[in-house]
Protein backbone atom coordinates (compact mmCIF):
# COMPACT_ATOMS: atom_id res chain seq x y z
CA MET A 1 9.85 -37.44 0.97
CA LEU A 2 11.51 -35.25 -0.99
CA SER A 3 14.92 -36.87 0.68
CA ARG A 4 13.89 -39.89 -1.22
CA ILE A 5 13.09 -38.35 -4.57
CA PHE A 6 16.55 -36.81 -4.04
CA ASN A 7 18.24 -40.69 -3.66
CA TRP A 8 16.22 -42.00 -6.34
CA ILE A 9 17.00 -39.01 -9.35
CA VAL A 10 20.45 -38.09 -8.23
CA LEU A 11 22.45 -40.77 -6.07
CA VAL A 12 21.11 -43.99 -7.32
CA PRO A 13 22.28 -42.55 -10.93
CA LEU A 14 25.58 -41.66 -9.29
CA ALA A 15 26.28 -44.95 -7.79
CA LEU A 16 25.55 -46.71 -11.11
CA ILE A 17 28.14 -44.79 -12.60
CA GLY A 18 30.63 -45.31 -10.09
CA ILE A 19 29.97 -48.98 -9.87
CA GLY A 20 30.80 -48.68 -14.02
CA PHE A 21 33.92 -46.73 -13.26
CA ALA A 22 35.29 -49.28 -11.32
CA VAL A 23 34.51 -52.31 -13.21
CA ALA A 24 35.97 -50.66 -16.37
CA ASN A 25 39.46 -49.49 -14.48
CA ARG A 26 40.50 -52.85 -13.03
CA GLN A 27 43.93 -52.94 -14.32
CA TRP A 28 46.75 -52.18 -11.43
CA ILE A 29 48.91 -49.32 -11.45
CA THR A 30 51.89 -48.41 -9.44
CA VAL A 31 51.77 -44.80 -7.35
CA SER A 32 54.89 -43.40 -6.41
CA LEU A 33 55.49 -40.89 -4.31
CA ASP A 34 59.18 -40.53 -4.91
CA PRO A 35 59.86 -38.35 -8.16
CA PHE A 36 63.78 -38.66 -8.15
CA ASN A 37 64.08 -42.33 -8.63
CA ARG A 38 61.66 -43.61 -11.09
CA ALA A 39 62.96 -46.70 -11.57
CA HIS A 40 62.73 -48.23 -7.87
CA PRO A 41 61.00 -45.63 -6.02
CA TYR A 42 61.36 -45.70 -2.14
CA ILE A 43 57.83 -45.01 -1.32
CA LYS A 44 55.22 -46.95 -4.08
CA ALA A 45 51.89 -48.62 -3.88
CA ASP A 46 50.55 -50.85 -6.23
CA MET A 47 46.15 -50.56 -6.44
CA PRO A 48 44.06 -50.57 -9.20
CA LEU A 49 43.04 -46.94 -10.62
CA TRP A 50 39.41 -47.25 -9.47
CA ALA A 51 40.40 -47.28 -5.83
CA LEU A 52 43.08 -44.57 -6.41
CA PHE A 53 40.13 -42.35 -8.01
CA PHE A 54 37.61 -43.10 -4.92
CA CYS A 55 40.39 -42.35 -2.81
CA GLY A 56 40.98 -39.02 -3.92
CA VAL A 57 37.26 -38.41 -4.04
CA PHE A 58 36.72 -39.42 -0.26
CA VAL A 59 40.13 -37.18 0.62
CA GLY A 60 38.52 -34.37 -1.27
CA ILE A 61 34.78 -34.97 0.57
CA PHE A 62 37.03 -34.76 4.16
CA ALA A 63 39.11 -31.64 3.31
CA GLY A 64 35.83 -29.71 2.28
CA TRP A 65 34.12 -30.81 5.62
CA MET A 66 37.28 -29.70 7.43
CA VAL A 67 37.30 -26.56 5.42
CA ALA A 68 33.61 -25.85 6.01
CA TRP A 69 33.80 -26.91 9.76
CA ALA A 70 36.53 -24.66 10.13
CA GLY A 71 34.64 -21.52 8.30
CA ASN A 72 31.97 -22.17 10.71
CA ARG A 73 33.90 -21.54 13.81
CA LYS A 74 32.32 -18.06 14.59
CA TYR A 75 29.05 -19.63 14.26
CA ARG A 76 29.69 -22.24 16.83
CA LYS A 77 31.28 -20.07 19.28
CA ALA A 78 28.15 -17.47 18.86
CA THR A 79 25.51 -20.22 19.55
CA ARG A 80 27.84 -21.42 22.29
CA ASP A 81 27.89 -17.60 24.03
CA ALA A 82 24.29 -17.69 23.53
CA LYS A 83 23.17 -20.81 25.17
CA MET A 84 25.50 -19.83 28.33
CA GLU A 85 23.96 -16.41 28.28
CA LEU A 86 20.64 -17.94 28.52
CA VAL A 87 21.30 -20.04 31.23
CA ARG A 88 22.71 -16.76 33.19
CA THR A 89 19.45 -15.10 32.16
CA GLN A 90 17.35 -17.92 33.71
CA GLN A 91 19.27 -18.61 36.68
CA GLN A 92 19.21 -14.64 37.24
CA PHE A 93 15.39 -14.86 37.00
CA GLU A 94 14.86 -17.47 39.78
CA ARG A 95 17.01 -15.74 42.06
CA ASP A 96 14.96 -12.59 41.56
CA LYS A 97 11.68 -14.62 41.56
CA ARG A 98 12.89 -16.13 44.93
CA GLU A 99 14.17 -12.79 46.21
CA MET A 100 10.58 -11.29 45.33
CA ALA A 101 8.48 -14.27 46.98
CA ARG A 102 10.84 -13.63 50.23
CA GLN A 103 10.16 -9.92 50.10
CA ALA A 104 6.61 -10.17 49.57
CA ILE A 105 4.47 -8.25 51.84
CA VAL A 106 1.52 -10.33 53.12
CA PRO A 107 -1.77 -8.17 53.94
CA ARG A 108 -3.01 -8.83 57.61
CA GLN A 109 -6.15 -10.27 58.55
CA ASP A 110 -8.31 -7.56 59.90
CA ALA A 111 -10.41 -8.84 62.67
CA THR A 112 -12.79 -6.60 62.81
CA LEU A 113 -14.66 -7.76 59.48
């Protein structure tokens, strides 16, 4: 329920602002990656301004995701190690349980009763 409220209050207005930005900035621009030859750049791309903006946003989101993922490496390793230790402990418990059952002394039935 809270996520629906979040979607309506935050994400829908952001989407409308993004659509408005895209409609208002439809002019085409040339993006050049050659700083030395401005007249005839070696690497260039023609695209609408809104596409450049949204590409930058997506690259930023992806870069942030990668940094967060790399930063959580130690927690993922700790979780993996804890799972392996749990499996080892469960296996040891099962071995010990079988061994105890095998070594259990069964009381003899007394025939004089």
